[in-house]
Protein backbone atom coordinates (compact mmCIF):
# COMPACT_ATOMS: atom_id res chain seq x y z
CA UNK A 1 -15.17 -2.93 -11.80
CA UNK A 2 -12.54 -5.26 -13.25
CA UNK A 3 -12.03 -4.11 -16.81
CA UNK A 4 -11.17 -6.31 -19.74
CA UNK A 5 -8.46 -4.14 -21.23
CA UNK A 6 -4.88 -5.11 -22.00
CA UNK A 7 -3.49 -2.08 -20.17
CA UNK A 8 -5.61 -2.46 -17.01
CA UNK A 9 -4.27 -3.58 -13.62
CA UNK A 10 -5.70 -3.49 -10.07
CA UNK A 11 -5.23 -0.31 -8.06
CA UNK A 12 -3.36 -0.49 -4.76
CA UNK A 13 -4.47 2.86 -3.37
CA UNK A 14 -6.96 5.68 -3.48
CA UNK A 15 -5.65 8.44 -5.71
CA UNK A 16 -5.68 11.81 -3.98
CA UNK A 17 -7.37 9.94 -1.10
CA UNK A 18 -10.59 9.97 -3.09
CA UNK A 19 -10.57 8.24 -6.47
CA UNK A 20 -10.28 4.50 -7.04
CA UNK A 21 -9.52 4.63 -10.78
CA UNK A 22 -6.67 6.19 -12.73
CA UNK A 23 -6.64 6.34 -16.54
CA UNK A 24 -3.57 7.63 -18.35
CA UNK A 25 -4.17 8.90 -21.89
CA UNK A 26 -1.71 9.97 -24.56
CA UNK A 27 -0.04 11.05 -26.61
CA UNK A 28 -1.56 14.36 -27.69
CA UNK A 29 -0.07 17.24 -29.64
CA UNK A 30 1.51 20.08 -27.72
CA UNK A 31 -1.16 22.66 -28.61
CA UNK A 32 -4.15 20.41 -27.81
CA UNK A 33 -6.07 20.38 -24.54
CA UNK A 34 -7.54 16.92 -24.01
CA UNK A 35 -10.42 16.79 -21.57
CA UNK A 36 -13.85 15.36 -20.85
CA UNK A 37 -17.29 16.66 -21.85
CA UNK A 38 -18.60 19.41 -19.60
CA UNK A 39 -21.38 17.16 -18.25
CA UNK A 40 -18.83 15.22 -16.21
CA UNK A 41 -17.82 16.80 -12.90
CA UNK A 42 -16.48 14.20 -10.49
CA UNK A 43 -12.89 13.73 -11.62
CA UNK A 44 -9.44 15.24 -11.51
CA UNK A 45 -7.25 15.61 -14.57
CA UNK A 46 -3.47 16.10 -14.52
CA UNK A 47 -1.68 17.05 -17.73
CA UNK A 48 2.05 16.94 -18.22
CA UNK A 49 4.33 17.62 -21.14
CA UNK A 50 6.90 15.07 -22.23
CA UNK A 51 9.49 15.22 -25.00
CA UNK A 52 9.31 12.47 -27.62
CA UNK A 53 11.63 12.51 -30.63
CA UNK A 54 12.46 16.16 -29.99
CA UNK A 55 8.77 17.09 -29.94
CA UNK A 56 6.66 18.02 -26.93
CA UNK A 57 3.50 16.01 -26.42
CA UNK A 58 0.86 15.80 -23.69
CA UNK A 59 0.00 12.90 -21.42
CA UNK A 60 -3.05 13.37 -19.23
CA UNK A 61 -4.19 11.24 -16.31
CA UNK A 62 -7.82 11.18 -15.25
CA UNK A 63 -8.63 10.21 -11.67
CA UNK A 64 -12.23 9.32 -10.93
CA UNK A 65 -14.65 6.97 -9.20
CA UNK A 66 -17.51 7.81 -11.57
CA UNK A 67 -18.40 4.71 -13.58
CA UNK A 68 -20.04 6.91 -16.23
CA UNK A 69 -16.70 8.59 -16.91
CA UNK A 70 -14.89 5.26 -17.04
CA UNK A 71 -17.47 3.87 -19.47
CA UNK A 72 -17.29 6.99 -21.62
CA UNK A 73 -13.52 6.67 -22.05
CA UNK A 74 -13.74 2.94 -22.77
CA UNK A 75 -16.56 3.34 -25.30
CA UNK A 76 -15.28 6.43 -27.05
CA UNK A 77 -13.22 5.40 -30.09
CA UNK A 78 -10.84 8.35 -29.81
CA UNK A 79 -10.07 8.07 -26.10
CA UNK A 80 -9.98 4.27 -26.14
CA UNK A 81 -7.18 4.37 -28.73
CA UNK A 82 -5.19 6.69 -26.47
CA UNK A 83 -5.31 4.61 -23.27
CA UNK A 84 -1.73 4.11 -22.07
CA UNK A 85 -2.59 2.49 -18.75
CA UNK A 86 -5.47 1.99 -16.33
CA UNK A 87 -5.68 1.17 -12.64
CA UNK A 88 -8.94 0.37 -10.93
CA UNK A 89 -10.79 -1.84 -8.44
CA UNK A 90 -11.51 -5.51 -9.02
CA UNK A 91 -14.91 -5.44 -7.33
CA UNK A 92 -16.91 -3.74 -4.55
CA UNK A 93 -14.90 -5.53 -1.83
CA UNK A 94 -11.78 -3.96 -3.31
CA UNK A 95 -13.39 -0.50 -3.18
CA UNK A 96 -14.50 -1.04 0.44
CA UNK A 97 -10.97 -2.08 1.42
CA UNK A 98 -9.45 1.01 -0.21
CA UNK A 99 -11.84 3.25 1.75
CA UNK A 100 -11.44 1.46 5.09
CA UNK A 101 -9.92 3.99 7.51
CA UNK A 102 -10.32 1.95 10.69
CA UNK A 103 -7.92 -0.78 9.64
CA UNK A 104 -4.90 -0.35 7.37
CA UNK A 105 -5.46 -2.58 4.37
CA UNK A 106 -2.79 -3.01 1.72
CA UNK A 107 -3.86 -4.27 -1.69
CA UNK A 108 -1.06 -6.26 -3.30
CA UNK A 109 -0.57 -8.93 -5.90
CA UNK A 110 1.16 -11.18 -3.36
CA UNK A 111 1.54 -11.57 0.39
CA UNK A 112 4.66 -10.09 1.97
CA UNK A 113 7.52 -12.42 1.07
CA UNK A 114 4.82 -14.54 -0.64
CA UNK A 115 3.87 -15.85 2.80
CA UNK A 116 2.84 -13.32 5.44
CA UNK A 117 -0.50 -11.52 5.74
CA UNK A 118 0.38 -9.09 8.55
CA UNK A 119 3.13 -6.53 8.96
CA UNK A 120 3.77 -5.06 12.39
CA UNK A 121 5.92 -1.94 12.67
CA UNK A 122 6.62 -0.29 16.01
CA UNK A 123 8.39 2.80 17.25
CA UNK A 124 8.82 4.37 20.65
CA UNK A 125 6.79 7.21 22.04
CA UNK A 126 9.16 10.12 22.60
CA UNK A 127 7.22 11.11 25.70
CA UNK A 128 7.70 7.66 27.22
CA UNK A 129 10.94 6.12 25.97
CA UNK A 130 11.41 2.44 26.91
CA UNK A 131 14.20 1.63 29.30
CA UNK A 132 17.14 -0.55 28.28
CA UNK A 133 15.49 -3.55 29.96
CA UNK A 134 12.20 -2.87 28.17
CA UNK A 135 13.98 -2.61 24.81
CA UNK A 136 15.66 -5.94 25.39
CA UNK A 137 12.31 -7.48 26.35
CA UNK A 138 10.73 -6.08 23.16
CA UNK A 139 13.49 -7.58 21.03
CA UNK A 140 13.19 -10.93 22.76
CA UNK A 141 9.46 -10.94 22.10
CA UNK A 142 9.90 -10.11 18.42
CA UNK A 143 12.61 -12.69 17.76
CA UNK A 144 11.48 -15.48 20.05
CA UNK A 145 7.70 -15.32 20.41
CA UNK A 146 6.72 -14.82 16.77
CA UNK A 147 7.12 -18.37 15.50
CA UNK A 148 7.29 -19.03 11.77
CA UNK A 149 7.54 -15.29 11.14
CA UNK A 150 10.08 -12.99 9.51
CA UNK A 151 11.67 -10.43 11.80
CA UNK A 152 13.57 -7.64 10.07
CA UNK A 153 15.95 -5.36 11.91
CA UNK A 154 16.54 -2.00 10.22
CA UNK A 155 20.29 -2.08 10.73
CA UNK A 156 21.27 -5.73 10.78
CA UNK A 157 18.76 -7.40 8.46
CA UNK A 158 16.93 -10.60 9.38
CA UNK A 159 18.46 -12.48 12.31
CA UNK A 160 16.73 -15.23 14.24
CA UNK A 161 19.64 -16.58 16.30
CA UNK A 162 20.53 -13.70 18.60
CA UNK A 163 22.35 -14.50 21.83
CA UNK A 164 20.33 -12.55 24.37
CA UNK A 165 22.04 -14.36 27.22
CA UNK A 166 25.30 -12.67 26.18
CA UNK A 167 23.82 -9.30 26.97
CA UNK A 168 22.40 -8.32 23.60
CA UNK A 169 20.86 -4.87 23.41
CA UNK A 170 19.85 -2.73 20.43
CA UNK A 171 22.70 -0.93 18.68
CA UNK A 172 20.80 2.32 18.88
CA UNK A 173 17.75 2.98 21.03
CA UNK A 174 15.94 5.18 18.57
CA UNK A 175 12.37 4.59 17.52
CA UNK A 176 13.24 3.06 14.14
CA UNK A 177 15.40 0.41 15.83
CA UNK A 178 12.41 -1.74 16.83
CA UNK A 179 12.22 -4.73 14.43
CA UNK A 180 9.49 -5.09 11.85
CA UNK A 181 7.61 -8.37 12.08
CA UNK A 182 5.96 -10.12 9.12
CA UNK A 183 3.67 -12.84 10.40
CA UNK A 184 0.43 -14.77 10.18
CA UNK A 185 0.09 -14.98 13.97
CA UNK A 186 -2.79 -12.69 14.93
CA UNK A 187 -2.81 -13.94 18.50
CA UNK A 188 0.80 -12.98 19.07
CA UNK A 189 0.18 -9.55 17.55
CA UNK A 190 -2.62 -9.06 20.08
CA UNK A 191 -0.36 -10.14 22.96
CA UNK A 192 2.42 -7.81 21.75
CA UNK A 193 0.01 -4.87 21.65
CA UNK A 194 -1.31 -5.78 25.08
CA UNK A 195 2.23 -5.81 26.50
CA UNK A 196 3.76 -2.75 24.84
CA UNK A 197 1.02 -0.39 23.64
CA UNK A 198 1.77 1.94 26.55
CA UNK A 199 5.39 2.50 25.46
CA UNK A 200 5.28 1.86 21.68
CA UNK A 201 3.30 3.09 18.75
CA UNK A 202 2.27 -0.14 17.01
CA UNK A 203 1.11 -0.08 13.40
CA UNK A 204 -0.48 -3.15 11.81
CA UNK A 205 -0.98 -3.58 8.07
CA UNK A 206 -2.99 -6.43 6.55
CA UNK A 207 -2.54 -7.62 2.99
CA UNK A 208 -5.48 -8.45 0.78
CA UNK A 209 -4.25 -10.05 -2.43
CA UNK A 210 -5.76 -9.61 -5.85
CA UNK A 211 -6.58 -13.34 -5.86
CA UNK A 212 -8.53 -12.99 -2.59
CA UNK A 213 -10.60 -10.17 -4.02
CA UNK A 214 -11.38 -12.15 -7.14
CA UNK A 215 -12.47 -15.24 -5.18
CA UNK A 216 -16.23 -15.61 -5.01
CA UNK A 217 -17.54 -15.51 -1.45
């Protein structure tokens, strides 16, 4: 799990939708072919050539979830000396979150804007485009019902004080014109989905911070 190595940092994704650990090794001579012993099977290796001081050298990245492979690289004197960087899970909760397909979990060092745990992005269903009145109602809900939240409009930035009474309507009624909401208000997210799920695609992302994963439960 969490590795005590100066070049290690937590992973924020599954690599190739499968592997939770990435280990970059280098630099190797142009005519070498760095690899792992034949006994290891569950990994993917990507080699690329880079030019350093007018010489071509190889950097290879090993993607794996096999702890035996990770331990081999860490304990092998040759490979350990060639570790450029490592990304991997902090603990089993981190691994479970990376594999969770039912709920979009984002692993980050910090909350969004250092404050918000949830991000709600919405776009219209092309088969059932909202009317002008529905769009205005959606905007009112985003800007007025999500208290202590950050509402970001794709074209105009973050604006809280919009004069809806003056006849405000979106500049452009395309799907990407629906504001993004960063919030901690789960209840209001539920109410928004209840009200608009039939005319909007609503995507919720939840942040789990590195500190949360490291906290003993």
